[in-house]
PDB file of all heavy atoms in Angstrom:
ATOM      1  N   PHE A   1      -3.607 -13.739   6.310  1.00  0.00           N
ATOM      2  CA  PHE A   1      -4.448 -12.515   5.856  1.00  0.00           C
ATOM      3  C   PHE A   1      -3.807 -11.943   4.572  1.00  0.00           C
ATOM      4  O   PHE A   1      -2.610 -11.666   4.652  1.00  0.00           O
ATOM      5  CB  PHE A   1      -4.864 -11.555   6.858  1.00  0.00           C
ATOM      6  CG  PHE A   1      -5.572 -12.114   8.143  1.00  0.00           C
ATOM      7  CD1 PHE A   1      -5.232 -11.794   9.336  1.00  0.00           C
ATOM      8  CD2 PHE A   1      -6.686 -12.936   7.950  1.00  0.00           C
ATOM      9  CE1 PHE A   1      -5.836 -12.229  10.473  1.00  0.00           C
ATOM     10  CE2 PHE A   1      -7.274 -13.493   9.001  1.00  0.00           C
ATOM     11  CZ  PHE A   1      -6.876 -13.072  10.269  1.00  0.00           C
ATOM     12  N   VAL A   2      -4.709 -11.520   3.624  1.00  0.00           N
ATOM     13  CA  VAL A   2      -4.274 -10.655   2.555  1.00  0.00           C
ATOM     14  C   VAL A   2      -5.060  -9.444   2.601  1.00  0.00           C
ATOM     15  O   VAL A   2      -6.260  -9.436   2.514  1.00  0.00           O
ATOM     16  CB  VAL A   2      -4.326 -11.444   1.064  1.00  0.00           C
ATOM     17  CG1 VAL A   2      -4.052 -10.451   0.002  1.00  0.00           C
ATOM     18  CG2 VAL A   2      -3.448 -12.637   1.148  1.00  0.00           C
ATOM     19  N   PHE A   3      -4.333  -8.341   2.701  1.00  0.00           N
ATOM     20  CA  PHE A   3      -4.939  -7.028   2.629  1.00  0.00           C
ATOM     21  C   PHE A   3      -4.730  -6.347   1.333  1.00  0.00           C
ATOM     22  O   PHE A   3      -3.417  -6.237   0.903  1.00  0.00           O
ATOM     23  CB  PHE A   3      -4.425  -6.077   3.858  1.00  0.00           C
ATOM     24  CG  PHE A   3      -4.748  -6.693   5.207  1.00  0.00           C
ATOM     25  CD1 PHE A   3      -3.785  -7.397   5.903  1.00  0.00           C
ATOM     26  CD2 PHE A   3      -5.998  -6.538   5.689  1.00  0.00           C
ATOM     27  CE1 PHE A   3      -4.037  -8.010   7.177  1.00  0.00           C
ATOM     28  CE2 PHE A   3      -6.266  -7.084   7.049  1.00  0.00           C
ATOM     29  CZ  PHE A   3      -5.263  -7.884   7.626  1.00  0.00           C
ATOM     30  N   LEU A   4      -5.654  -5.816   0.741  1.00  0.00           N
ATOM     31  CA  LEU A   4      -5.465  -5.094  -0.562  1.00  0.00           C
ATOM     32  C   LEU A   4      -5.675  -3.648  -0.402  1.00  0.00           C
ATOM     33  O   LEU A   4      -6.640  -3.208   0.119  1.00  0.00           O
ATOM     34  CB  LEU A   4      -6.530  -5.616  -1.516  1.00  0.00           C
ATOM     35  CG  LEU A   4      -6.537  -4.961  -3.031  1.00  0.00           C
ATOM     36  CD1 LEU A   4      -5.206  -5.215  -3.654  1.00  0.00           C
ATOM     37  CD2 LEU A   4      -7.765  -5.630  -3.800  1.00  0.00           C
ATOM     38  N   ILE A   5      -4.620  -2.916  -0.792  1.00  0.00           N
ATOM     39  CA  ILE A   5      -4.689  -1.416  -0.749  1.00  0.00           C
ATOM     40  C   ILE A   5      -4.851  -0.809  -2.083  1.00  0.00           C
ATOM     41  O   ILE A   5      -4.054  -1.186  -2.956  1.00  0.00           O
ATOM     42  CB  ILE A   5      -3.451  -0.775   0.015  1.00  0.00           C
ATOM     43  CG1 ILE A   5      -3.314  -1.266   1.445  1.00  0.00           C
ATOM     44  CG2 ILE A   5      -3.452   0.682  -0.106  1.00  0.00           C
ATOM     45  CD1 ILE A   5      -2.063  -0.883   2.219  1.00  0.00           C
ATOM     46  N   MET A   6      -5.860  -0.158  -2.457  1.00  0.00           N
ATOM     47  CA  MET A   6      -6.055   0.446  -3.696  1.00  0.00           C
ATOM     48  C   MET A   6      -6.032   2.022  -3.474  1.00  0.00           C
ATOM     49  O   MET A   6      -6.626   2.610  -2.636  1.00  0.00           O
ATOM     50  CB  MET A   6      -7.388   0.076  -4.268  1.00  0.00           C
ATOM     51  CG  MET A   6      -7.533  -1.445  -4.624  1.00  0.00           C
ATOM     52  SD  MET A   6      -8.979  -1.998  -5.309  1.00  0.00           S
ATOM     53  CE  MET A   6      -8.825  -1.072  -6.954  1.00  0.00           C
ATOM     54  N   THR A   7      -5.267   2.577  -4.343  1.00  0.00           N
ATOM     55  CA  THR A   7      -5.078   4.056  -4.222  1.00  0.00           C
ATOM     56  C   THR A   7      -5.648   4.871  -5.470  1.00  0.00           C
ATOM     57  O   THR A   7      -5.505   6.129  -5.442  1.00  0.00           O
ATOM     58  CB  THR A   7      -3.588   4.321  -4.289  1.00  0.00           C
ATOM     59  OG1 THR A   7      -2.920   3.958  -5.470  1.00  0.00           O
ATOM     60  CG2 THR A   7      -2.858   3.685  -3.086  1.00  0.00           C
ATOM     61  N   GLY A   8      -6.532   4.227  -6.150  1.00  0.00           N
ATOM     62  CA  GLY A   8      -7.021   4.893  -7.305  1.00  0.00           C
ATOM     63  C   GLY A   8      -6.215   4.914  -8.606  1.00  0.00           C
ATOM     64  O   GLY A   8      -5.019   4.599  -8.417  1.00  0.00           O
ATOM     65  N   SER A   9      -6.692   5.322  -9.754  1.00  0.00           N
ATOM     66  CA  SER A   9      -5.779   5.289 -10.923  1.00  0.00           C
ATOM     67  C   SER A   9      -4.670   6.223 -10.857  1.00  0.00           C
ATOM     68  O   SER A   9      -3.683   6.008 -11.556  1.00  0.00           O
ATOM     69  CB  SER A   9      -6.686   5.599 -12.139  1.00  0.00           C
ATOM     70  OG  SER A   9      -7.239   6.933 -11.998  1.00  0.00           O
ATOM     71  N   MET A  10      -4.860   7.220  -9.888  1.00  0.00           N
ATOM     72  CA  MET A  10      -3.730   8.238  -9.865  1.00  0.00           C
ATOM     73  C   MET A  10      -2.828   8.066  -8.716  1.00  0.00           C
ATOM     74  O   MET A  10      -1.822   8.774  -8.543  1.00  0.00           O
ATOM     75  CB  MET A  10      -4.458   9.717  -9.659  1.00  0.00           C
ATOM     76  CG  MET A  10      -5.382  10.056 -10.638  1.00  0.00           C
ATOM     77  SD  MET A  10      -6.304  11.546 -10.333  1.00  0.00           S
ATOM     78  CE  MET A  10      -7.334  10.957  -8.851  1.00  0.00           C
ATOM     79  N   GLY A  11      -3.123   7.011  -7.857  1.00  0.00           N
ATOM     80  CA  GLY A  11      -2.144   6.630  -6.651  1.00  0.00           C
ATOM     81  C   GLY A  11      -2.301   7.774  -5.693  1.00  0.00           C
ATOM     82  O   GLY A  11      -1.249   8.351  -5.202  1.00  0.00           O
ATOM     83  N   TYR A  12      -3.501   8.003  -5.175  1.00  0.00           N
ATOM     84  CA  TYR A  12      -3.772   9.136  -4.194  1.00  0.00           C
ATOM     85  C   TYR A  12      -3.575   8.664  -2.800  1.00  0.00           C
ATOM     86  O   TYR A  12      -3.781   7.423  -2.448  1.00  0.00           O
ATOM     87  CB  TYR A  12      -5.187   9.665  -4.260  1.00  0.00           C
ATOM     88  CG  TYR A  12      -5.583  10.666  -3.170  1.00  0.00           C
ATOM     89  CD1 TYR A  12      -5.229  11.980  -3.340  1.00  0.00           C
ATOM     90  CD2 TYR A  12      -6.281  10.234  -2.098  1.00  0.00           C
ATOM     91  CE1 TYR A  12      -5.447  12.841  -2.398  1.00  0.00           C
ATOM     92  CE2 TYR A  12      -6.647  11.098  -1.191  1.00  0.00           C
ATOM     93  CZ  TYR A  12      -6.170  12.503  -1.306  1.00  0.00           C
ATOM     94  OH  TYR A  12      -6.662  13.470  -0.309  1.00  0.00           O
ATOM     95  N   GLY A  13      -3.069   9.582  -1.901  1.00  0.00           N
ATOM     96  CA  GLY A  13      -2.969   9.199  -0.480  1.00  0.00           C
ATOM     97  C   GLY A  13      -1.593   8.961   0.080  1.00  0.00           C
ATOM     98  O   GLY A  13      -0.624   8.819  -0.685  1.00  0.00           O
ATOM     99  N   HIS A  14      -1.384   8.866   1.477  1.00  0.00           N
ATOM    100  CA  HIS A  14      -0.247   8.607   2.081  1.00  0.00           C
ATOM    101  C   HIS A  14      -0.032   7.180   2.200  1.00  0.00           C
ATOM    102  O   HIS A  14      -0.087   6.612   3.352  1.00  0.00           O
ATOM    103  CB  HIS A  14      -0.232   9.346   3.462  1.00  0.00           C
ATOM    104  CG  HIS A  14      -0.381  10.895   3.289  1.00  0.00           C
ATOM    105  ND1 HIS A  14       0.560  11.687   2.685  1.00  0.00           N
ATOM    106  CD2 HIS A  14      -1.360  11.734   3.607  1.00  0.00           C
ATOM    107  CE1 HIS A  14       0.203  12.972   2.686  1.00  0.00           C
ATOM    108  NE2 HIS A  14      -0.989  12.973   3.252  1.00  0.00           N
ATOM    109  N   THR A  15       0.290   6.483   1.179  1.00  0.00           N
ATOM    110  CA  THR A  15       0.243   5.073   1.058  1.00  0.00           C
ATOM    111  C   THR A  15       1.416   4.454   1.986  1.00  0.00           C
ATOM    112  O   THR A  15       1.190   3.433   2.634  1.00  0.00           O
ATOM    113  CB  THR A  15       0.258   4.543  -0.347  1.00  0.00           C
ATOM    114  OG1 THR A  15      -0.666   5.204  -1.177  1.00  0.00           O
ATOM    115  CG2 THR A  15       0.109   3.086  -0.512  1.00  0.00           C
ATOM    116  N   ALA A  16       2.647   5.018   1.776  1.00  0.00           N
ATOM    117  CA  ALA A  16       3.766   4.464   2.531  1.00  0.00           C
ATOM    118  C   ALA A  16       3.374   4.433   3.961  1.00  0.00           C
ATOM    119  O   ALA A  16       3.812   3.338   4.665  1.00  0.00           O
ATOM    120  CB  ALA A  16       4.989   5.284   2.288  1.00  0.00           C
ATOM    121  N   GLY A  17       2.800   5.353   4.608  1.00  0.00           N
ATOM    122  CA  GLY A  17       2.467   5.382   6.037  1.00  0.00           C
ATOM    123  C   GLY A  17       1.567   4.282   6.380  1.00  0.00           C
ATOM    124  O   GLY A  17       1.560   3.709   7.464  1.00  0.00           O
ATOM    125  N   LEU A  18       0.465   4.013   5.381  1.00  0.00           N
ATOM    126  CA  LEU A  18      -0.318   2.917   5.562  1.00  0.00           C
ATOM    127  C   LEU A  18       0.297   1.616   5.522  1.00  0.00           C
ATOM    128  O   LEU A  18       0.008   0.695   6.425  1.00  0.00           O
ATOM    129  CB  LEU A  18      -1.612   2.942   4.518  1.00  0.00           C
ATOM    130  CG  LEU A  18      -2.591   1.895   4.569  1.00  0.00           C
ATOM    131  CD1 LEU A  18      -3.281   2.053   5.988  1.00  0.00           C
ATOM    132  CD2 LEU A  18      -3.667   2.195   3.479  1.00  0.00           C
ATOM    133  N   VAL A  19       1.191   1.396   4.569  1.00  0.00           N
ATOM    134  CA  VAL A  19       1.934   0.098   4.593  1.00  0.00           C
ATOM    135  C   VAL A  19       2.789  -0.148   5.916  1.00  0.00           C
ATOM    136  O   VAL A  19       2.830  -1.128   6.470  1.00  0.00           O
ATOM    137  CB  VAL A  19       2.816   0.003   3.399  1.00  0.00           C
ATOM    138  CG1 VAL A  19       3.651  -1.340   3.432  1.00  0.00           C
ATOM    139  CG2 VAL A  19       1.969  -0.019   2.121  1.00  0.00           C
ATOM    140  N   ASP A  20       3.349   1.010   6.312  1.00  0.00           N
ATOM    141  CA  ASP A  20       4.198   1.029   7.591  1.00  0.00           C
ATOM    142  C   ASP A  20       3.350   0.539   8.781  1.00  0.00           C
ATOM    143  O   ASP A  20       3.841  -0.257   9.609  1.00  0.00           O
ATOM    144  CB  ASP A  20       4.799   2.345   7.852  1.00  0.00           C
ATOM    145  CG  ASP A  20       5.900   2.651   6.950  1.00  0.00           C
ATOM    146  OD1 ASP A  20       6.485   1.733   6.184  1.00  0.00           O
ATOM    147  OD2 ASP A  20       6.304   3.862   6.807  1.00  0.00           O
ATOM    148  N   ALA A  21       2.099   0.975   8.874  1.00  0.00           N
ATOM    149  CA  ALA A  21       1.172   0.686   9.892  1.00  0.00           C
ATOM    150  C   ALA A  21       0.947  -0.775   9.889  1.00  0.00           C
ATOM    151  O   ALA A  21       0.862  -1.516  10.972  1.00  0.00           O
ATOM    152  CB  ALA A  21      -0.111   1.410   9.826  1.00  0.00           C
ATOM    153  N   PHE A  22       0.800  -1.481   8.688  1.00  0.00           N
ATOM    154  CA  PHE A  22       0.667  -2.851   8.688  1.00  0.00           C
ATOM    155  C   PHE A  22       1.827  -3.538   9.012  1.00  0.00           C
ATOM    156  O   PHE A  22       1.721  -4.782   9.837  1.00  0.00           O
ATOM    157  CB  PHE A  22       0.236  -3.340   7.241  1.00  0.00           C
ATOM    158  CG  PHE A  22      -1.186  -3.228   6.971  1.00  0.00           C
ATOM    159  CD1 PHE A  22      -1.791  -2.070   6.315  1.00  0.00           C
ATOM    160  CD2 PHE A  22      -2.124  -4.177   7.394  1.00  0.00           C
ATOM    161  CE1 PHE A  22      -3.107  -2.011   6.036  1.00  0.00           C
ATOM    162  CE2 PHE A  22      -3.432  -3.980   7.139  1.00  0.00           C
ATOM    163  CZ  PHE A  22      -3.929  -2.966   6.437  1.00  0.00           C
ATOM    164  N   MET A  23       2.934  -3.144   8.681  1.00  0.00           N
ATOM    165  CA  MET A  23       4.333  -3.790   9.009  1.00  0.00           C
ATOM    166  C   MET A  23       4.547  -3.854  10.534  1.00  0.00           C
ATOM    167  O   MET A  23       5.265  -4.809  11.074  1.00  0.00           O
ATOM    168  CB  MET A  23       5.432  -3.156   8.287  1.00  0.00           C
ATOM    169  CG  MET A  23       5.337  -3.303   6.720  1.00  0.00           C
ATOM    170  SD  MET A  23       5.425  -5.054   6.131  1.00  0.00           S
ATOM    171  CE  MET A  23       3.617  -5.299   5.795  1.00  0.00           C
ATOM    172  N   GLU A  24       4.030  -2.729  11.170  1.00  0.00           N
ATOM    173  CA  GLU A  24       4.292  -2.696  12.564  1.00  0.00           C
ATOM    174  C   GLU A  24       3.414  -3.792  13.346  1.00  0.00           C
ATOM    175  O   GLU A  24       3.748  -3.983  14.562  1.00  0.00           O
ATOM    176  CB  GLU A  24       3.869  -1.215  13.087  1.00  0.00           C
ATOM    177  CG  GLU A  24       4.713  -0.254  12.624  1.00  0.00           C
ATOM    178  CD  GLU A  24       4.192   1.118  12.975  1.00  0.00           C
ATOM    179  OE1 GLU A  24       3.199   1.251  13.572  1.00  0.00           O
ATOM    180  OE2 GLU A  24       4.942   2.187  12.599  1.00  0.00           O
ATOM    181  N   ARG A  25       2.505  -4.384  12.801  1.00  0.00           N
ATOM    182  CA  ARG A  25       1.606  -5.275  13.354  1.00  0.00           C
ATOM    183  C   ARG A  25       2.187  -6.753  13.333  1.00  0.00           C
ATOM    184  O   ARG A  25       1.471  -7.657  13.889  1.00  0.00           O
ATOM    185  CB  ARG A  25       0.183  -5.255  12.868  1.00  0.00           C
ATOM    186  CG  ARG A  25      -0.399  -3.770  13.027  1.00  0.00           C
ATOM    187  CD  ARG A  25      -1.907  -3.874  12.594  1.00  0.00           C
ATOM    188  NE  ARG A  25      -2.655  -4.617  13.447  1.00  0.00           N
ATOM    189  CZ  ARG A  25      -3.269  -4.148  14.544  1.00  0.00           C
ATOM    190  NH1 ARG A  25      -3.161  -2.933  14.934  1.00  0.00           N
ATOM    191  NH2 ARG A  25      -4.120  -4.990  15.299  1.00  0.00           N
ATOM    192  N   GLY A  26       3.352  -6.881  12.866  1.00  0.00           N
ATOM    193  CA  GLY A  26       3.944  -8.332  13.032  1.00  0.00           C
ATOM    194  C   GLY A  26       3.775  -9.082  11.788  1.00  0.00           C
ATOM    195  O   GLY A  26       3.219  -8.567  10.686  1.00  0.00           O
ATOM    196  N   GLU A  27       4.276 -10.302  11.738  1.00  0.00           N
ATOM    197  CA  GLU A  27       4.335 -11.109  10.399  1.00  0.00           C
ATOM    198  C   GLU A  27       3.014 -11.936  10.451  1.00  0.00           C
ATOM    199  O   GLU A  27       2.061 -11.739  11.304  1.00  0.00           O
ATOM    200  CB  GLU A  27       5.416 -12.069  10.588  1.00  0.00           C
ATOM    201  CG  GLU A  27       6.787 -11.280  10.617  1.00  0.00           C
ATOM    202  CD  GLU A  27       7.937 -12.205  10.553  1.00  0.00           C
ATOM    203  OE1 GLU A  27       7.751 -13.534  10.404  1.00  0.00           O
ATOM    204  OE2 GLU A  27       9.110 -11.814  10.468  1.00  0.00           O
ATOM    205  N   GLY A  28       2.781 -12.659   9.227  1.00  0.00           N
ATOM    206  CA  GLY A  28       1.681 -13.545   9.205  1.00  0.00           C
ATOM    207  C   GLY A  28       0.590 -13.044   8.182  1.00  0.00           C
ATOM    208  O   GLY A  28      -0.473 -13.578   7.997  1.00  0.00           O
ATOM    209  N   SER A  29       0.843 -11.901   7.602  1.00  0.00           N
ATOM    210  CA  SER A  29      -0.128 -11.302   6.636  1.00  0.00           C
ATOM    211  C   SER A  29       0.677 -10.649   5.404  1.00  0.00           C
ATOM    212  O   SER A  29       1.879 -10.432   5.583  1.00  0.00           O
ATOM    213  CB  SER A  29      -0.916 -10.112   7.376  1.00  0.00           C
ATOM    214  OG  SER A  29      -0.105  -9.088   7.786  1.00  0.00           O
ATOM    215  N   THR A  30      -0.063 -10.587   4.404  1.00  0.00           N
ATOM    216  CA  THR A  30       0.368 -10.095   3.124  1.00  0.00           C
ATOM    217  C   THR A  30      -0.305  -8.724   2.646  1.00  0.00           C
ATOM    218  O   THR A  30      -1.514  -8.641   2.883  1.00  0.00           O
ATOM    219  CB  THR A  30       0.492 -11.016   1.957  1.00  0.00           C
ATOM    220  OG1 THR A  30       1.076 -12.145   2.388  1.00  0.00           O
ATOM    221  CG2 THR A  30       1.082 -10.361   0.645  1.00  0.00           C
ATOM    222  N   VAL A  31       0.445  -7.738   2.281  1.00  0.00           N
ATOM    223  CA  VAL A  31      -0.227  -6.431   1.897  1.00  0.00           C
ATOM    224  C   VAL A  31       0.140  -6.332   0.391  1.00  0.00           C
ATOM    225  O   VAL A  31       1.200  -6.354  -0.069  1.00  0.00           O
ATOM    226  CB  VAL A  31       0.317  -5.255   2.605  1.00  0.00           C
ATOM    227  CG1 VAL A  31      -0.276  -3.899   2.082  1.00  0.00           C
ATOM    228  CG2 VAL A  31       0.007  -5.351   4.183  1.00  0.00           C
ATOM    229  N   VAL A  32      -0.930  -6.114  -0.476  1.00  0.00           N
ATOM    230  CA  VAL A  32      -0.900  -5.939  -1.788  1.00  0.00           C
ATOM    231  C   VAL A  32      -1.259  -4.433  -2.150  1.00  0.00           C
ATOM    232  O   VAL A  32      -2.398  -3.992  -1.730  1.00  0.00           O
ATOM    233  CB  VAL A  32      -1.835  -6.908  -2.602  1.00  0.00           C
ATOM    234  CG1 VAL A  32      -1.675  -6.550  -4.243  1.00  0.00           C
ATOM    235  CG2 VAL A  32      -1.421  -8.373  -2.407  1.00  0.00           C
ATOM    236  N   VAL A  33      -0.443  -3.718  -2.714  1.00  0.00           N
ATOM    237  CA  VAL A  33      -0.601  -2.288  -2.884  1.00  0.00           C
ATOM    238  C   VAL A  33      -0.565  -2.049  -4.354  1.00  0.00           C
ATOM    239  O   VAL A  33       0.313  -2.214  -5.181  1.00  0.00           O
ATOM    240  CB  VAL A  33       0.523  -1.334  -2.264  1.00  0.00           C
ATOM    241  CG1 VAL A  33       0.228   0.094  -2.436  1.00  0.00           C
ATOM    242  CG2 VAL A  33       0.874  -1.860  -0.831  1.00  0.00           C
ATOM    243  N   MET A  34      -1.804  -1.350  -4.755  1.00  0.00           N
ATOM    244  CA  MET A  34      -1.863  -1.000  -6.135  1.00  0.00           C
ATOM    245  C   MET A  34      -1.681   0.350  -6.303  1.00  0.00           C
ATOM    246  O   MET A  34      -2.339   1.206  -5.784  1.00  0.00           O
ATOM    247  CB  MET A  34      -3.348  -1.389  -6.608  1.00  0.00           C
ATOM    248  CG  MET A  34      -3.728  -2.851  -6.785  1.00  0.00           C
ATOM    249  SD  MET A  34      -5.304  -3.164  -7.477  1.00  0.00           S
ATOM    250  CE  MET A  34      -5.308  -4.974  -7.573  1.00  0.00           C
ATOM    251  N   THR A  35      -0.600   0.723  -7.125  1.00  0.00           N
ATOM    252  CA  THR A  35      -0.303   2.218  -7.266  1.00  0.00           C
ATOM    253  C   THR A  35      -0.689   2.953  -8.414  1.00  0.00           C
ATOM    254  O   THR A  35      -0.488   4.098  -8.589  1.00  0.00           O
ATOM    255  CB  THR A  35       1.303   2.321  -7.167  1.00  0.00           C
ATOM    256  OG1 THR A  35       1.797   1.426  -8.333  1.00  0.00           O
ATOM    257  CG2 THR A  35       1.887   1.886  -5.973  1.00  0.00           C
ATOM    258  N   GLY A  36      -1.621   2.096  -9.099  1.00  0.00           N
ATOM    259  CA  GLY A  36      -2.090   2.883 -10.354  1.00  0.00           C
ATOM    260  C   GLY A  36      -1.215   3.321 -11.306  1.00  0.00           C
ATOM    261  O   GLY A  36      -0.228   2.575 -11.559  1.00  0.00           O
ATOM    262  N   HIS A  37      -1.399   4.532 -11.989  1.00  0.00           N
ATOM    263  CA  HIS A  37      -0.429   5.057 -12.811  1.00  0.00           C
ATOM    264  C   HIS A  37       0.616   6.006 -12.228  1.00  0.00           C
ATOM    265  O   HIS A  37       1.344   6.660 -12.985  1.00  0.00           O
ATOM    266  CB  HIS A  37      -1.117   5.962 -13.962  1.00  0.00           C
ATOM    267  CG  HIS A  37      -2.138   5.044 -14.711  1.00  0.00           C
ATOM    268  ND1 HIS A  37      -1.644   4.126 -15.587  1.00  0.00           N
ATOM    269  CD2 HIS A  37      -3.484   4.994 -14.892  1.00  0.00           C
ATOM    270  CE1 HIS A  37      -2.571   3.443 -16.252  1.00  0.00           C
ATOM    271  NE2 HIS A  37      -3.830   4.121 -15.796  1.00  0.00           N
ATOM    272  N   ASN A  38       0.575   6.029 -10.859  1.00  0.00           N
ATOM    273  CA  ASN A  38       1.503   7.020 -10.104  1.00  0.00           C
ATOM    274  C   ASN A  38       2.877   6.211 -10.025  1.00  0.00           C
ATOM    275  O   ASN A  38       3.099   5.483  -8.937  1.00  0.00           O
ATOM    276  CB  ASN A  38       0.971   7.184  -8.761  1.00  0.00           C
ATOM    277  CG  ASN A  38       1.642   8.420  -8.161  1.00  0.00           C
ATOM    278  OD1 ASN A  38       2.896   8.520  -8.310  1.00  0.00           O
ATOM    279  ND2 ASN A  38       0.874   9.205  -7.330  1.00  0.00           N
ATOM    280  N   GLU A  39       3.778   6.584 -10.965  1.00  0.00           N
ATOM    281  CA  GLU A  39       5.152   6.006 -10.928  1.00  0.00           C
ATOM    282  C   GLU A  39       6.060   6.441  -9.779  1.00  0.00           C
ATOM    283  O   GLU A  39       6.888   5.840  -9.206  1.00  0.00           O
ATOM    284  CB  GLU A  39       5.829   6.307 -12.261  1.00  0.00           C
ATOM    285  CG  GLU A  39       5.254   5.518 -13.490  1.00  0.00           C
ATOM    286  CD  GLU A  39       5.360   3.996 -13.207  1.00  0.00           C
ATOM    287  OE1 GLU A  39       6.496   3.430 -12.802  1.00  0.00           O
ATOM    288  OE2 GLU A  39       4.449   3.295 -13.447  1.00  0.00           O
ATOM    289  N   SER A  40       5.831   7.739  -9.344  1.00  0.00           N
ATOM    290  CA  SER A  40       6.503   8.297  -8.188  1.00  0.00           C
ATOM    291  C   SER A  40       6.147   7.528  -6.902  1.00  0.00           C
ATOM    292  O   SER A  40       6.923   7.255  -5.980  1.00  0.00           O
ATOM    293  CB  SER A  40       6.333   9.729  -7.877  1.00  0.00           C
ATOM    294  OG  SER A  40       4.893  10.092  -7.775  1.00  0.00           O
ATOM    295  N   LEU A  41       4.955   7.206  -6.740  1.00  0.00           N
ATOM    296  CA  LEU A  41       4.379   6.395  -5.582  1.00  0.00           C
ATOM    297  C   LEU A  41       5.132   5.014  -5.551  1.00  0.00           C
ATOM    298  O   LEU A  41       5.542   4.611  -4.613  1.00  0.00           O
ATOM    299  CB  LEU A  41       2.906   6.347  -5.535  1.00  0.00           C
ATOM    300  CG  LEU A  41       2.369   5.312  -4.455  1.00  0.00           C
ATOM    301  CD1 LEU A  41       2.614   5.808  -3.103  1.00  0.00           C
ATOM    302  CD2 LEU A  41       0.865   5.408  -4.653  1.00  0.00           C
ATOM    303  N   ARG A  42       4.931   4.449  -6.746  1.00  0.00           N
ATOM    304  CA  ARG A  42       5.679   3.127  -6.878  1.00  0.00           C
ATOM    305  C   ARG A  42       7.121   3.170  -6.561  1.00  0.00           C
ATOM    306  O   ARG A  42       7.610   2.245  -5.785  1.00  0.00           O
ATOM    307  CB  ARG A  42       5.420   2.615  -8.285  1.00  0.00           C
ATOM    308  CG  ARG A  42       6.021   1.114  -8.550  1.00  0.00           C
ATOM    309  CD  ARG A  42       5.909   0.782 -10.100  1.00  0.00           C
ATOM    310  NE  ARG A  42       6.521  -0.465 -10.290  1.00  0.00           N
ATOM    311  CZ  ARG A  42       6.743  -0.954 -11.474  1.00  0.00           C
ATOM    312  NH1 ARG A  42       6.350  -0.360 -12.601  1.00  0.00           N
ATOM    313  NH2 ARG A  42       7.202  -2.183 -11.570  1.00  0.00           N
ATOM    314  N   ALA A  43       7.801   4.097  -7.036  1.00  0.00           N
ATOM    315  CA  ALA A  43       9.249   4.214  -6.725  1.00  0.00           C
ATOM    316  C   ALA A  43       9.564   4.556  -5.210  1.00  0.00           C
ATOM    317  O   ALA A  43      10.431   4.035  -4.585  1.00  0.00           O
ATOM    318  CB  ALA A  43       9.913   5.431  -7.526  1.00  0.00           C
TER     319      ALA A  43
END
């Protein structure tokens, strides 16, 4: 499975917690995270 997470152009929301929730569910899937223009979120 490929899951796409979009945070808007500003990178809104608690994205790290969402990615962590996916990682807790084991292997076999890929998460693509779009951070928009939010450089602090990307970092």
